[in-house]
Amino acid sequence: MTPPRLWLVRHGETAWSRSGQHTSHTDLPLEPDGRIQAEAVGAVLDHGDFALVLASPRLRAVETATLCGWGGRLEVSDDLAEWDYGDYEGRTTDDIRTDQPGWTLWVDGVPGGETAADVGRRADRVIDRARSAGGDGLCFAHGHFLRVLAARWVGLPPIGGRLLALDPGAVSVLGWERDVPVIDRWNQQPPS
C-alpha cells in the first residue's frame, strides 16, 4: 500500500504578497489575480480524492480553498497559520534591513514572533495528522509555513525551508519514494 501523500496549496495573491510585506495575522482577502490563481488550482485538484482537507484560519487560505471547490470539506487548523512575524508584520525584507542589515527570517528570526523551531513544531503536528489520515491530504496555507512543512516532511530542520521558493497559487506534493519521504512536485503553477 502506498503511504499517503500531502498536497500543498499556497493561497492566491494578496496585496501584501504582491508587495513583499510579511503577512501573518493581518487578514487580507485575495486580489483579483489571486482569485484567478485559486480557480486554476481548483481545476488541478478536481480529480483528487482526499481523506483530509485542512486550511489555515486566515481568510486568504480559506478563500483559496473555497474557490478551489474544497470549502465544504474544509477543516480549519491553527497549526497551518503563517509564521508569526511579530514586530515585523507588514514590513518588507528591504525595510527591515534598513534597521538590521543582512537580516533573514530563517537565521535572525523576528522580535515578538515565532522562531523557526516554533513553526517546525506546528508543521510536525500537521505531518503526523496527514500521515495517519488514511489517504492523501490537502493543505491550504502560506509561503513560509509550507516551506517549513516541506523541509520537515523530508527530515530537514525547519530552516531547510529557506531552500524552497514558493509562489502564490502554487501547488506542491509531498510524497514517497519507496519508504522515504520526498518532495514529489514543488511550486507548480497551474495553467490559468
C-alpha atoms as a PDB file:
ATOM      1  CA  MET A   1       0.000   0.000   0.000  1.00  0.00           C
ATOM      2  CA  THR A   2       1.281   3.452  -0.926  1.00  0.00           C
ATOM      3  CA  PRO A   3       1.684   5.806   2.040  1.00  0.00           C
ATOM      4  CA  PRO A   4      -0.479   8.937   1.905  1.00  0.00           C
ATOM      5  CA  ARG A   5       0.805  11.973   0.082  1.00  0.00           C
ATOM      6  CA  LEU A   6       0.281  15.538   1.196  1.00  0.00           C
ATOM      7  CA  TRP A   7      -0.776  18.111  -1.380  1.00  0.00           C
ATOM      8  CA  LEU A   8       0.070  21.727  -0.548  1.00  0.00           C
ATOM      9  CA  VAL A   9      -1.517  24.872  -1.952  1.00  0.00           C
ATOM     10  CA  ARG A  10      -0.160  28.304  -1.205  1.00  0.00           C
ATOM     11  CA  HIS A  11      -3.017  30.793  -1.156  1.00  0.00           C
ATOM     12  CA  GLY A  12      -3.529  33.092  -4.121  1.00  0.00           C
ATOM     13  CA  GLU A  13      -2.034  36.554  -4.363  1.00  0.00           C
ATOM     14  CA  THR A  14      -2.933  39.281  -1.861  1.00  0.00           C
ATOM     15  CA  ALA A  15      -1.921  42.945  -1.884  1.00  0.00           C
ATOM     16  CA  TRP A  16       0.846  42.189   0.617  1.00  0.00           C
ATOM     17  CA  SER A  17       2.161  39.061  -1.092  1.00  0.00           C
ATOM     18  CA  ARG A  18       2.495  41.197  -4.233  1.00  0.00           C
ATOM     19  CA  SER A  19       4.350  43.963  -2.364  1.00  0.00           C
ATOM     20  CA  GLY A  20       6.521  41.555  -0.357  1.00  0.00           C
ATOM     21  CA  GLN A  21       5.145  42.565   3.042  1.00  0.00           C
ATOM     22  CA  HIS A  22       5.329  39.915   5.736  1.00  0.00           C
ATOM     23  CA  THR A  23       1.757  38.807   6.458  1.00  0.00           C
ATOM     24  CA  SER A  24       0.849  36.536   9.313  1.00  0.00           C
ATOM     25  CA  HIS A  25      -2.076  37.798  11.412  1.00  0.00           C
ATOM     26  CA  THR A  26      -3.242  40.561   9.081  1.00  0.00           C
ATOM     27  CA  ASP A  27      -6.286  39.020   7.421  1.00  0.00           C
ATOM     28  CA  LEU A  28      -6.212  40.160   3.801  1.00  0.00           C
ATOM     29  CA  PRO A  29      -8.533  38.892   1.063  1.00  0.00           C
ATOM     30  CA  LEU A  30      -7.311  37.643  -2.280  1.00  0.00           C
ATOM     31  CA  GLU A  31      -6.677  40.153  -5.030  1.00  0.00           C
ATOM     32  CA  PRO A  32      -8.497  39.576  -8.365  1.00  0.00           C
ATOM     33  CA  ASP A  33      -5.374  37.811  -9.717  1.00  0.00           C
ATOM     34  CA  GLY A  34      -5.331  35.678  -6.559  1.00  0.00           C
ATOM     35  CA  ARG A  35      -8.901  34.610  -7.192  1.00  0.00           C
ATOM     36  CA  ILE A  36      -7.954  33.584 -10.737  1.00  0.00           C
ATOM     37  CA  GLN A  37      -4.984  31.620  -9.353  1.00  0.00           C
ATOM     38  CA  ALA A  38      -7.249  29.838  -6.861  1.00  0.00           C
ATOM     39  CA  GLU A  39      -9.745  28.867  -9.562  1.00  0.00           C
ATOM     40  CA  ALA A  40      -6.902  27.486 -11.707  1.00  0.00           C
ATOM     41  CA  VAL A  41      -5.668  25.418  -8.751  1.00  0.00           C
ATOM     42  CA  GLY A  42      -9.208  24.080  -8.384  1.00  0.00           C
ATOM     43  CA  ALA A  43      -9.007  22.587 -11.873  1.00  0.00           C
ATOM     44  CA  VAL A  44      -5.800  20.735 -10.900  1.00  0.00           C
ATOM     45  CA  LEU A  45      -7.341  19.398  -7.677  1.00  0.00           C
ATOM     46  CA  ASP A  46     -10.679  18.496  -9.273  1.00  0.00           C
ATOM     47  CA  HIS A  47      -9.715  14.842  -9.642  1.00  0.00           C
ATOM     48  CA  GLY A  48      -8.221  14.441  -6.172  1.00  0.00           C
ATOM     49  CA  ASP A  49      -9.590  12.096  -3.550  1.00  0.00           C
ATOM     50  CA  PHE A  50      -8.523  13.489  -0.199  1.00  0.00           C
ATOM     51  CA  ALA A  51      -9.041  11.889   3.201  1.00  0.00           C
ATOM     52  CA  LEU A  52      -8.163  15.158   4.947  1.00  0.00           C
ATOM     53  CA  VAL A  53      -8.607  18.783   3.810  1.00  0.00           C
ATOM     54  CA  LEU A  54      -7.101  21.442   6.072  1.00  0.00           C
ATOM     55  CA  ALA A  55      -6.645  25.207   5.860  1.00  0.00           C
ATOM     56  CA  SER A  56      -5.076  27.965   7.830  1.00  0.00           C
ATOM     57  CA  PRO A  57      -7.631  30.114   9.657  1.00  0.00           C
ATOM     58  CA  ARG A  58      -6.618  33.165   7.607  1.00  0.00           C
ATOM     59  CA  LEU A  59      -9.143  34.485   5.079  1.00  0.00           C
ATOM     60  CA  ARG A  60      -6.723  34.203   2.150  1.00  0.00           C
ATOM     61  CA  ALA A  61      -6.256  30.446   2.709  1.00  0.00           C
ATOM     62  CA  VAL A  62      -9.936  29.710   3.347  1.00  0.00           C
ATOM     63  CA  GLU A  63     -10.932  31.802   0.315  1.00  0.00           C
ATOM     64  CA  THR A  64      -8.439  29.897  -1.860  1.00  0.00           C
ATOM     65  CA  ALA A  65      -9.810  26.550  -0.645  1.00  0.00           C
ATOM     66  CA  THR A  66     -13.385  27.665  -1.279  1.00  0.00           C
ATOM     67  CA  LEU A  67     -12.625  28.920  -4.799  1.00  0.00           C
ATOM     68  CA  CYS A  68     -10.891  25.587  -5.474  1.00  0.00           C
ATOM     69  CA  GLY A  69     -14.107  23.790  -4.577  1.00  0.00           C
ATOM     70  CA  TRP A  70     -12.975  22.320  -1.254  1.00  0.00           C
ATOM     71  CA  GLY A  71     -14.761  24.698   1.131  1.00  0.00           C
ATOM     72  CA  GLY A  72     -17.407  22.130   2.017  1.00  0.00           C
ATOM     73  CA  ARG A  73     -14.851  19.585   3.253  1.00  0.00           C
ATOM     74  CA  LEU A  74     -12.546  22.085   4.870  1.00  0.00           C
ATOM     75  CA  GLU A  75     -11.309  21.865   8.440  1.00  0.00           C
ATOM     76  CA  VAL A  76      -9.585  24.977   9.735  1.00  0.00           C
ATOM     77  CA  SER A  77      -6.432  24.333  11.743  1.00  0.00           C
ATOM     78  CA  ASP A  78      -4.404  26.904  13.670  1.00  0.00           C
ATOM     79  CA  ASP A  79      -1.342  24.736  13.033  1.00  0.00           C
ATOM     80  CA  LEU A  80      -1.394  25.873   9.375  1.00  0.00           C
ATOM     81  CA  ALA A  81      -1.279  29.608  10.180  1.00  0.00           C
ATOM     82  CA  GLU A  82       1.585  31.576   8.691  1.00  0.00           C
ATOM     83  CA  TRP A  83       4.795  32.148  10.653  1.00  0.00           C
ATOM     84  CA  ASP A  84       4.063  34.803  13.289  1.00  0.00           C
ATOM     85  CA  TYR A  85       6.227  37.732  12.165  1.00  0.00           C
ATOM     86  CA  GLY A  86       5.770  39.625  15.427  1.00  0.00           C
ATOM     87  CA  ASP A  87       7.096  43.181  15.212  1.00  0.00           C
ATOM     88  CA  TYR A  88       7.896  42.699  11.511  1.00  0.00           C
ATOM     89  CA  GLU A  89       4.271  42.170  10.471  1.00  0.00           C
ATOM     90  CA  GLY A  90       3.542  44.310   7.416  1.00  0.00           C
ATOM     91  CA  ARG A  91       7.193  45.144   6.746  1.00  0.00           C
ATOM     92  CA  THR A  92       9.234  44.105   3.713  1.00  0.00           C
ATOM     93  CA  THR A  93      12.655  42.483   3.925  1.00  0.00           C
ATOM     94  CA  ASP A  94      14.278  45.601   2.412  1.00  0.00           C
ATOM     95  CA  ASP A  95      12.592  47.783   5.037  1.00  0.00           C
ATOM     96  CA  ILE A  96      13.710  45.503   7.884  1.00  0.00           C
ATOM     97  CA  ARG A  97      17.266  45.519   6.523  1.00  0.00           C
ATOM     98  CA  THR A  98      17.460  49.307   6.877  1.00  0.00           C
ATOM     99  CA  ASP A  99      17.460  48.689  10.653  1.00  0.00           C
ATOM    100  CA  GLN A 100      19.130  45.272  10.628  1.00  0.00           C
ATOM    101  CA  PRO A 101      21.497  44.881   7.639  1.00  0.00           C
ATOM    102  CA  GLY A 102      21.646  41.367   6.205  1.00  0.00           C
ATOM    103  CA  TRP A 103      18.539  40.265   8.105  1.00  0.00           C
ATOM    104  CA  THR A 104      16.936  36.966   7.145  1.00  0.00           C
ATOM    105  CA  LEU A 105      13.860  35.422   8.707  1.00  0.00           C
ATOM    106  CA  TRP A 106      15.431  31.966   8.669  1.00  0.00           C
ATOM    107  CA  VAL A 107      18.550  32.882  10.638  1.00  0.00           C
ATOM    108  CA  ASP A 108      17.703  36.022  12.600  1.00  0.00           C
ATOM    109  CA  GLY A 109      14.035  35.415  13.354  1.00  0.00           C
ATOM    110  CA  VAL A 110      11.624  38.123  14.435  1.00  0.00           C
ATOM    111  CA  PRO A 111      11.200  40.073  17.662  1.00  0.00           C
ATOM    112  CA  GLY A 112       7.874  39.313  19.302  1.00  0.00           C
ATOM    113  CA  GLY A 113       7.076  36.440  16.931  1.00  0.00           C
ATOM    114  CA  GLU A 114       7.771  32.767  16.385  1.00  0.00           C
ATOM    115  CA  THR A 115      11.101  31.033  15.938  1.00  0.00           C
ATOM    116  CA  ALA A 116      11.764  28.557  13.143  1.00  0.00           C
ATOM    117  CA  ALA A 117      11.584  25.799  15.787  1.00  0.00           C
ATOM    118  CA  ASP A 118       8.102  27.017  16.840  1.00  0.00           C
ATOM    119  CA  VAL A 119       6.879  26.816  13.249  1.00  0.00           C
ATOM    120  CA  GLY A 120       8.576  23.432  12.858  1.00  0.00           C
ATOM    121  CA  ARG A 121       6.640  22.009  15.807  1.00  0.00           C
ATOM    122  CA  ARG A 122       3.356  23.080  14.208  1.00  0.00           C
ATOM    123  CA  ALA A 123       4.450  21.583  10.888  1.00  0.00           C
ATOM    124  CA  ASP A 124       5.313  18.291  12.604  1.00  0.00           C
ATOM    125  CA  ARG A 125       1.788  18.094  14.039  1.00  0.00           C
ATOM    126  CA  VAL A 126       0.310  18.612  10.552  1.00  0.00           C
ATOM    127  CA  ILE A 127       2.590  15.909   9.137  1.00  0.00           C
ATOM    128  CA  ASP A 128       1.655  13.438  11.869  1.00  0.00           C
ATOM    129  CA  ARG A 129      -2.005  14.077  11.231  1.00  0.00           C
ATOM    130  CA  ALA A 130      -1.661  13.794   7.445  1.00  0.00           C
ATOM    131  CA  ARG A 131       0.322  10.549   7.617  1.00  0.00           C
ATOM    132  CA  SER A 132      -2.369   8.941   9.779  1.00  0.00           C
ATOM    133  CA  ALA A 133      -5.380  10.224   7.781  1.00  0.00           C
ATOM    134  CA  GLY A 134      -5.906   7.005   5.838  1.00  0.00           C
ATOM    135  CA  GLY A 135      -5.388   8.650   2.450  1.00  0.00           C
ATOM    136  CA  ASP A 136      -3.938  11.692   0.742  1.00  0.00           C
ATOM    137  CA  GLY A 137      -4.191  15.041   2.500  1.00  0.00           C
ATOM    138  CA  LEU A 138      -4.649  18.557   1.154  1.00  0.00           C
ATOM    139  CA  CYS A 139      -3.482  21.731   2.921  1.00  0.00           C
ATOM    140  CA  PHE A 140      -4.197  25.365   2.040  1.00  0.00           C
ATOM    141  CA  ALA A 141      -1.717  27.641   3.774  1.00  0.00           C
ATOM    142  CA  HIS A 142       1.096  30.178   3.405  1.00  0.00           C
ATOM    143  CA  GLY A 143       4.531  30.517   1.845  1.00  0.00           C
ATOM    144  CA  HIS A 144       6.875  30.375   4.804  1.00  0.00           C
ATOM    145  CA  PHE A 145       4.802  27.842   6.721  1.00  0.00           C
ATOM    146  CA  LEU A 146       4.554  25.467   3.751  1.00  0.00           C
ATOM    147  CA  ARG A 147       8.293  25.748   3.128  1.00  0.00           C
ATOM    148  CA  VAL A 148       8.935  24.673   6.729  1.00  0.00           C
ATOM    149  CA  LEU A 149       6.379  21.879   6.360  1.00  0.00           C
ATOM    150  CA  ALA A 150       8.147  20.524   3.261  1.00  0.00           C
ATOM    151  CA  ALA A 151      11.523  20.656   4.991  1.00  0.00           C
ATOM    152  CA  ARG A 152      10.158  18.740   7.974  1.00  0.00           C
ATOM    153  CA  TRP A 153       8.460  16.170   5.678  1.00  0.00           C
ATOM    154  CA  VAL A 154      11.871  15.152   4.299  1.00  0.00           C
ATOM    155  CA  GLY A 155      13.602  15.272   7.689  1.00  0.00           C
ATOM    156  CA  LEU A 156      15.364  18.633   7.387  1.00  0.00           C
ATOM    157  CA  PRO A 157      15.378  21.169  10.215  1.00  0.00           C
ATOM    158  CA  PRO A 158      12.782  23.947   9.864  1.00  0.00           C
ATOM    159  CA  ILE A 159      15.366  26.366   8.411  1.00  0.00           C
ATOM    160  CA  GLY A 160      15.739  23.941   5.485  1.00  0.00           C
ATOM    161  CA  GLY A 161      12.650  25.661   4.114  1.00  0.00           C
ATOM    162  CA  ARG A 162      14.854  28.587   3.122  1.00  0.00           C
ATOM    163  CA  LEU A 163      15.956  26.484   0.139  1.00  0.00           C
ATOM    164  CA  LEU A 164      12.436  26.184  -1.280  1.00  0.00           C
ATOM    165  CA  ALA A 165      10.888  29.156  -3.075  1.00  0.00           C
ATOM    166  CA  LEU A 166       7.082  29.063  -3.200  1.00  0.00           C
ATOM    167  CA  ASP A 167       4.888  31.393  -5.239  1.00  0.00           C
ATOM    168  CA  PRO A 168       1.268  32.413  -4.562  1.00  0.00           C
ATOM    169  CA  GLY A 169      -1.210  30.000  -6.103  1.00  0.00           C
ATOM    170  CA  ALA A 170       1.383  27.214  -6.384  1.00  0.00           C
ATOM    171  CA  VAL A 171       0.685  23.515  -5.928  1.00  0.00           C
ATOM    172  CA  SER A 172       3.216  21.107  -4.420  1.00  0.00           C
ATOM    173  CA  VAL A 173       3.082  17.437  -3.495  1.00  0.00           C
ATOM    174  CA  LEU A 174       4.957  15.705  -0.697  1.00  0.00           C
ATOM    175  CA  GLY A 175       5.183  12.003  -1.323  1.00  0.00           C
ATOM    176  CA  TRP A 176       7.294   8.899  -1.062  1.00  0.00           C
ATOM    177  CA  GLU A 177       9.954   7.000  -2.944  1.00  0.00           C
ATOM    178  CA  ARG A 178       9.504   3.520  -1.560  1.00  0.00           C
ATOM    179  CA  ASP A 179       9.526   4.237   2.181  1.00  0.00           C
ATOM    180  CA  VAL A 180      11.489   7.501   2.043  1.00  0.00           C
ATOM    181  CA  PRO A 181       9.590  10.803   2.278  1.00  0.00           C
ATOM    182  CA  VAL A 182      10.356  13.037  -0.727  1.00  0.00           C
ATOM    183  CA  ILE A 183       9.258  16.255  -2.359  1.00  0.00           C
ATOM    184  CA  ASP A 184       7.443  14.842  -5.374  1.00  0.00           C
ATOM    185  CA  ARG A 185       6.427  18.158  -7.011  1.00  0.00           C
ATOM    186  CA  TRP A 186       7.257  21.698  -6.000  1.00  0.00           C
ATOM    187  CA  ASN A 187       5.988  25.211  -6.775  1.00  0.00           C
ATOM    188  CA  GLN A 188       3.922  24.263  -9.817  1.00  0.00           C
ATOM    189  CA  GLN A 189       1.752  26.967 -11.303  1.00  0.00           C
ATOM    190  CA  PRO A 190      -1.469  25.639 -12.821  1.00  0.00           C
ATOM    191  CA  PRO A 191      -2.349  26.922 -16.283  1.00  0.00           C
ATOM    192  CA  SER A 192      -4.806  29.805 -15.974  1.00  0.00           C
END
